[in-house]
Amino acid sequence: MSRREEYEKKSEELLIPIVEEMGFELVDVEYVNEGGNYYLRAYVDKEGGITINDCEAVSRAFNEKLDEEDFIEGAYTMEISSPGLGRPLKKEKDYVRSMGKELEIHTYKPINKQKEFFGILKAYDKNTVTIETEDEEEITFQKKDLSLIRLAFDF
């Protein structure tokens, strides 16, 4: 297990009880290096959307746990935020919540000269995702071939 994976896993273990007690959902945790600075980010959500005050409450509680455990080497910035509208589908619960909804899918390589697809999520499993396009065509993708999969949204 890499250092990044270890930090993310331990952070998730500390965060789950905090967010569940507050009635929120932990969407994702990431430990990333951006521009030479390390960031530990947690994305939380709730029915109706998360507020800045919600993020602040989680941040305060999580910061106390991080200080107690002190398992991350070196300097980093901890951030708690909403996953936003364009959050990618990563976990089983993301797919369950998105069944029957329109997705936006991007592939690494073109399929029939196309790298961007839209359609209703019809099925998924550990390795594949199936959508139905507006032409009522079903397309099954290998997850490993997808650069992005998220709920589609119109403005």
C-alpha atoms as a PDB file:
ATOM      1  CA  MET A   1       0.000   0.000   0.000  1.00  0.00           C
ATOM      2  CA  SER A   2       1.400   3.401  -0.986  1.00  0.00           C
ATOM      3  CA  ARG A   3       1.775   6.262   1.458  1.00  0.00           C
ATOM      4  CA  ARG A   4      -1.083   8.086  -0.313  1.00  0.00           C
ATOM      5  CA  GLU A   5      -3.396   5.071  -0.005  1.00  0.00           C
ATOM      6  CA  GLU A   6      -2.428   4.587   3.636  1.00  0.00           C
ATOM      7  CA  TYR A   7      -3.191   8.236   4.494  1.00  0.00           C
ATOM      8  CA  GLU A   8      -6.498   8.147   2.618  1.00  0.00           C
ATOM      9  CA  LYS A   9      -7.580   4.882   4.275  1.00  0.00           C
ATOM     10  CA  LYS A  10      -6.679   6.037   7.805  1.00  0.00           C
ATOM     11  CA  SER A  11      -8.368   9.418   7.210  1.00  0.00           C
ATOM     12  CA  GLU A  12     -11.507   7.702   5.969  1.00  0.00           C
ATOM     13  CA  GLU A  13     -11.572   5.496   9.091  1.00  0.00           C
ATOM     14  CA  LEU A  14     -11.377   8.607  11.285  1.00  0.00           C
ATOM     15  CA  LEU A  15     -13.915  10.584   9.255  1.00  0.00           C
ATOM     16  CA  ILE A  16     -16.724   8.053   8.867  1.00  0.00           C
ATOM     17  CA  PRO A  17     -17.872   8.185  12.524  1.00  0.00           C
ATOM     18  CA  ILE A  18     -17.651  12.003  12.510  1.00  0.00           C
ATOM     19  CA  VAL A  19     -19.759  12.524   9.381  1.00  0.00           C
ATOM     20  CA  GLU A  20     -22.260   9.787  10.265  1.00  0.00           C
ATOM     21  CA  GLU A  21     -22.820  11.317  13.712  1.00  0.00           C
ATOM     22  CA  MET A  22     -23.587  14.635  11.995  1.00  0.00           C
ATOM     23  CA  GLY A  23     -25.978  12.949   9.552  1.00  0.00           C
ATOM     24  CA  PHE A  24     -23.722  13.451   6.540  1.00  0.00           C
ATOM     25  CA  GLU A  25     -22.173  11.125   3.978  1.00  0.00           C
ATOM     26  CA  LEU A  26     -18.453  10.797   3.318  1.00  0.00           C
ATOM     27  CA  VAL A  27     -18.163  10.850  -0.472  1.00  0.00           C
ATOM     28  CA  ASP A  28     -14.394  10.627  -0.920  1.00  0.00           C
ATOM     29  CA  VAL A  29     -10.987  11.290   0.637  1.00  0.00           C
ATOM     30  CA  GLU A  30      -7.865  12.164  -1.328  1.00  0.00           C
ATOM     31  CA  TYR A  31      -4.261  12.953  -0.465  1.00  0.00           C
ATOM     32  CA  VAL A  32      -2.653  14.782  -3.370  1.00  0.00           C
ATOM     33  CA  ASN A  33       0.444  16.784  -4.266  1.00  0.00           C
ATOM     34  CA  GLU A  34      -0.393  19.937  -6.187  1.00  0.00           C
ATOM     35  CA  GLY A  35       2.326  22.423  -7.065  1.00  0.00           C
ATOM     36  CA  GLY A  36       4.669  21.004  -4.452  1.00  0.00           C
ATOM     37  CA  ASN A  37       2.082  21.273  -1.655  1.00  0.00           C
ATOM     38  CA  TYR A  38       0.241  18.323  -0.126  1.00  0.00           C
ATOM     39  CA  TYR A  39      -3.515  18.398   0.446  1.00  0.00           C
ATOM     40  CA  LEU A  40      -5.726  16.050   2.421  1.00  0.00           C
ATOM     41  CA  ARG A  41      -9.234  16.592   1.077  1.00  0.00           C
ATOM     42  CA  ALA A  42     -12.474  15.102   2.258  1.00  0.00           C
ATOM     43  CA  TYR A  43     -15.725  15.524   0.370  1.00  0.00           C
ATOM     44  CA  VAL A  44     -18.945  15.341   2.382  1.00  0.00           C
ATOM     45  CA  ASP A  45     -22.571  15.596   1.367  1.00  0.00           C
ATOM     46  CA  LYS A  46     -26.101  15.359   2.703  1.00  0.00           C
ATOM     47  CA  GLU A  47     -29.618  15.354   1.323  1.00  0.00           C
ATOM     48  CA  GLY A  48     -30.295  18.868   0.064  1.00  0.00           C
ATOM     49  CA  GLY A  49     -26.596  19.739  -0.123  1.00  0.00           C
ATOM     50  CA  ILE A  50     -23.825  20.551   2.295  1.00  0.00           C
ATOM     51  CA  THR A  51     -23.272  24.078   3.674  1.00  0.00           C
ATOM     52  CA  ILE A  52     -20.140  25.975   4.635  1.00  0.00           C
ATOM     53  CA  ASN A  53     -21.164  25.589   8.301  1.00  0.00           C
ATOM     54  CA  ASP A  54     -21.445  21.816   7.815  1.00  0.00           C
ATOM     55  CA  CYS A  55     -17.943  21.725   6.319  1.00  0.00           C
ATOM     56  CA  GLU A  56     -16.619  23.807   9.192  1.00  0.00           C
ATOM     57  CA  ALA A  57     -18.143  21.455  11.793  1.00  0.00           C
ATOM     58  CA  VAL A  58     -16.592  18.404  10.119  1.00  0.00           C
ATOM     59  CA  SER A  59     -13.275  20.236   9.739  1.00  0.00           C
ATOM     60  CA  ARG A  60     -13.073  21.094  13.453  1.00  0.00           C
ATOM     61  CA  ALA A  61     -13.888  17.549  14.578  1.00  0.00           C
ATOM     62  CA  PHE A  62     -11.561  15.950  12.012  1.00  0.00           C
ATOM     63  CA  ASN A  63      -8.721  18.345  12.852  1.00  0.00           C
ATOM     64  CA  GLU A  64      -8.876  17.202  16.502  1.00  0.00           C
ATOM     65  CA  LYS A  65      -8.617  13.545  15.402  1.00  0.00           C
ATOM     66  CA  LEU A  66      -5.724  14.339  13.051  1.00  0.00           C
ATOM     67  CA  ASP A  67      -3.863  16.073  15.882  1.00  0.00           C
ATOM     68  CA  GLU A  68      -4.432  13.088  18.193  1.00  0.00           C
ATOM     69  CA  GLU A  69      -3.392  10.451  15.646  1.00  0.00           C
ATOM     70  CA  ASP A  70      -0.617  12.477  13.936  1.00  0.00           C
ATOM     71  CA  PHE A  71      -0.042   9.827  11.240  1.00  0.00           C
ATOM     72  CA  ILE A  72       0.755  12.065   8.244  1.00  0.00           C
ATOM     73  CA  GLU A  73       4.412  12.920   7.753  1.00  0.00           C
ATOM     74  CA  GLY A  74       5.348  16.436   6.707  1.00  0.00           C
ATOM     75  CA  ALA A  75       3.258  19.525   6.069  1.00  0.00           C
ATOM     76  CA  TYR A  76      -0.134  19.402   4.374  1.00  0.00           C
ATOM     77  CA  THR A  77      -3.356  21.378   4.131  1.00  0.00           C
ATOM     78  CA  MET A  78      -6.603  19.732   5.213  1.00  0.00           C
ATOM     79  CA  GLU A  79      -9.766  20.717   3.358  1.00  0.00           C
ATOM     80  CA  ILE A  80     -13.390  19.670   3.820  1.00  0.00           C
ATOM     81  CA  SER A  81     -15.783  20.516   1.003  1.00  0.00           C
ATOM     82  CA  SER A  82     -18.823  19.584  -1.011  1.00  0.00           C
ATOM     83  CA  PRO A  83     -18.176  17.146  -3.843  1.00  0.00           C
ATOM     84  CA  GLY A  84     -19.929  19.552  -6.228  1.00  0.00           C
ATOM     85  CA  LEU A  85     -22.291  18.857  -9.092  1.00  0.00           C
ATOM     86  CA  GLY A  86     -19.705  17.294 -11.343  1.00  0.00           C
ATOM     87  CA  ARG A  87     -18.402  14.710  -8.930  1.00  0.00           C
ATOM     88  CA  PRO A  88     -17.280  11.462 -10.512  1.00  0.00           C
ATOM     89  CA  LEU A  89     -18.893   8.114  -9.709  1.00  0.00           C
ATOM     90  CA  LYS A  90     -16.336   6.116  -7.748  1.00  0.00           C
ATOM     91  CA  LYS A  91     -18.011   3.912  -5.195  1.00  0.00           C
ATOM     92  CA  GLU A  92     -20.838   1.384  -5.255  1.00  0.00           C
ATOM     93  CA  LYS A  93     -23.187   3.833  -3.527  1.00  0.00           C
ATOM     94  CA  ASP A  94     -22.546   6.411  -6.296  1.00  0.00           C
ATOM     95  CA  TYR A  95     -23.754   3.929  -8.916  1.00  0.00           C
ATOM     96  CA  VAL A  96     -26.768   2.880  -6.832  1.00  0.00           C
ATOM     97  CA  ARG A  97     -27.805   6.526  -6.425  1.00  0.00           C
ATOM     98  CA  SER A  98     -27.321   7.170 -10.157  1.00  0.00           C
ATOM     99  CA  MET A  99     -29.353   4.250 -11.558  1.00  0.00           C
ATOM    100  CA  GLY A 100     -31.848   5.557 -14.105  1.00  0.00           C
ATOM    101  CA  LYS A 101     -30.161   8.956 -14.283  1.00  0.00           C
ATOM    102  CA  GLU A 102     -28.268  10.522 -17.169  1.00  0.00           C
ATOM    103  CA  LEU A 103     -24.492  10.145 -17.101  1.00  0.00           C
ATOM    104  CA  GLU A 104     -21.652  11.813 -18.915  1.00  0.00           C
ATOM    105  CA  ILE A 105     -18.861   9.402 -19.830  1.00  0.00           C
ATOM    106  CA  HIS A 106     -15.433  10.191 -21.292  1.00  0.00           C
ATOM    107  CA  THR A 107     -13.127   7.482 -22.617  1.00  0.00           C
ATOM    108  CA  TYR A 108      -9.358   7.507 -22.884  1.00  0.00           C
ATOM    109  CA  LYS A 109      -9.472   6.296 -26.493  1.00  0.00           C
ATOM    110  CA  PRO A 110     -12.113   7.012 -29.140  1.00  0.00           C
ATOM    111  CA  ILE A 111     -14.907   4.493 -29.660  1.00  0.00           C
ATOM    112  CA  ASN A 112     -16.388   4.894 -33.145  1.00  0.00           C
ATOM    113  CA  LYS A 113     -14.480   8.208 -33.411  1.00  0.00           C
ATOM    114  CA  GLN A 114     -16.088   9.471 -30.200  1.00  0.00           C
ATOM    115  CA  LYS A 115     -14.697  10.003 -26.693  1.00  0.00           C
ATOM    116  CA  GLU A 116     -17.719  11.595 -24.979  1.00  0.00           C
ATOM    117  CA  PHE A 117     -21.023   9.798 -24.368  1.00  0.00           C
ATOM    118  CA  PHE A 118     -24.301  10.616 -22.648  1.00  0.00           C
ATOM    119  CA  GLY A 119     -26.971   8.167 -21.595  1.00  0.00           C
ATOM    120  CA  ILE A 120     -29.132   6.727 -18.857  1.00  0.00           C
ATOM    121  CA  LEU A 121     -27.357   4.360 -16.463  1.00  0.00           C
ATOM    122  CA  LYS A 122     -28.949   0.948 -17.027  1.00  0.00           C
ATOM    123  CA  ALA A 123     -26.467  -1.438 -15.389  1.00  0.00           C
ATOM    124  CA  TYR A 124     -23.057  -1.682 -13.787  1.00  0.00           C
ATOM    125  CA  ASP A 125     -20.835  -4.203 -12.097  1.00  0.00           C
ATOM    126  CA  LYS A 126     -17.268  -4.345 -10.829  1.00  0.00           C
ATOM    127  CA  ASN A 127     -15.799  -3.951 -14.335  1.00  0.00           C
ATOM    128  CA  THR A 128     -18.456  -2.452 -16.604  1.00  0.00           C
ATOM    129  CA  VAL A 129     -21.023   0.337 -16.995  1.00  0.00           C
ATOM    130  CA  THR A 130     -23.974   0.193 -19.403  1.00  0.00           C
ATOM    131  CA  ILE A 131     -25.905   3.235 -20.589  1.00  0.00           C
ATOM    132  CA  GLU A 132     -28.812   3.704 -22.960  1.00  0.00           C
ATOM    133  CA  THR A 133     -28.395   6.636 -25.349  1.00  0.00           C
ATOM    134  CA  GLU A 134     -31.232   8.867 -26.524  1.00  0.00           C
ATOM    135  CA  ASP A 135     -31.283   6.705 -29.702  1.00  0.00           C
ATOM    136  CA  GLU A 136     -32.180   3.762 -27.406  1.00  0.00           C
ATOM    137  CA  GLU A 137     -28.829   2.120 -28.109  1.00  0.00           C
ATOM    138  CA  GLU A 138     -27.211   0.321 -25.179  1.00  0.00           C
ATOM    139  CA  ILE A 139     -23.453   0.765 -24.841  1.00  0.00           C
ATOM    140  CA  THR A 140     -21.334  -1.139 -22.339  1.00  0.00           C
ATOM    141  CA  PHE A 141     -17.982   0.322 -21.292  1.00  0.00           C
ATOM    142  CA  GLN A 142     -15.109  -1.259 -19.425  1.00  0.00           C
ATOM    143  CA  LYS A 143     -14.467   0.913 -16.350  1.00  0.00           C
ATOM    144  CA  LYS A 144     -10.717   0.759 -16.973  1.00  0.00           C
ATOM    145  CA  ASP A 145     -11.306   2.545 -20.309  1.00  0.00           C
ATOM    146  CA  LEU A 146     -13.105   5.510 -18.717  1.00  0.00           C
ATOM    147  CA  SER A 147     -11.319   8.753 -17.925  1.00  0.00           C
ATOM    148  CA  LEU A 148     -14.480  10.237 -16.377  1.00  0.00           C
ATOM    149  CA  ILE A 149     -17.942   9.101 -15.384  1.00  0.00           C
ATOM    150  CA  ARG A 150     -20.333  11.468 -13.635  1.00  0.00           C
ATOM    151  CA  LEU A 151     -23.917  12.644 -13.544  1.00  0.00           C
ATOM    152  CA  ALA A 152     -24.748  14.822 -16.532  1.00  0.00           C
ATOM    153  CA  PHE A 153     -26.088  18.255 -15.742  1.00  0.00           C
ATOM    154  CA  ASP A 154     -27.516  21.014 -17.901  1.00  0.00           C
ATOM    155  CA  PHE A 155     -27.299  24.729 -17.296  1.00  0.00           C
END
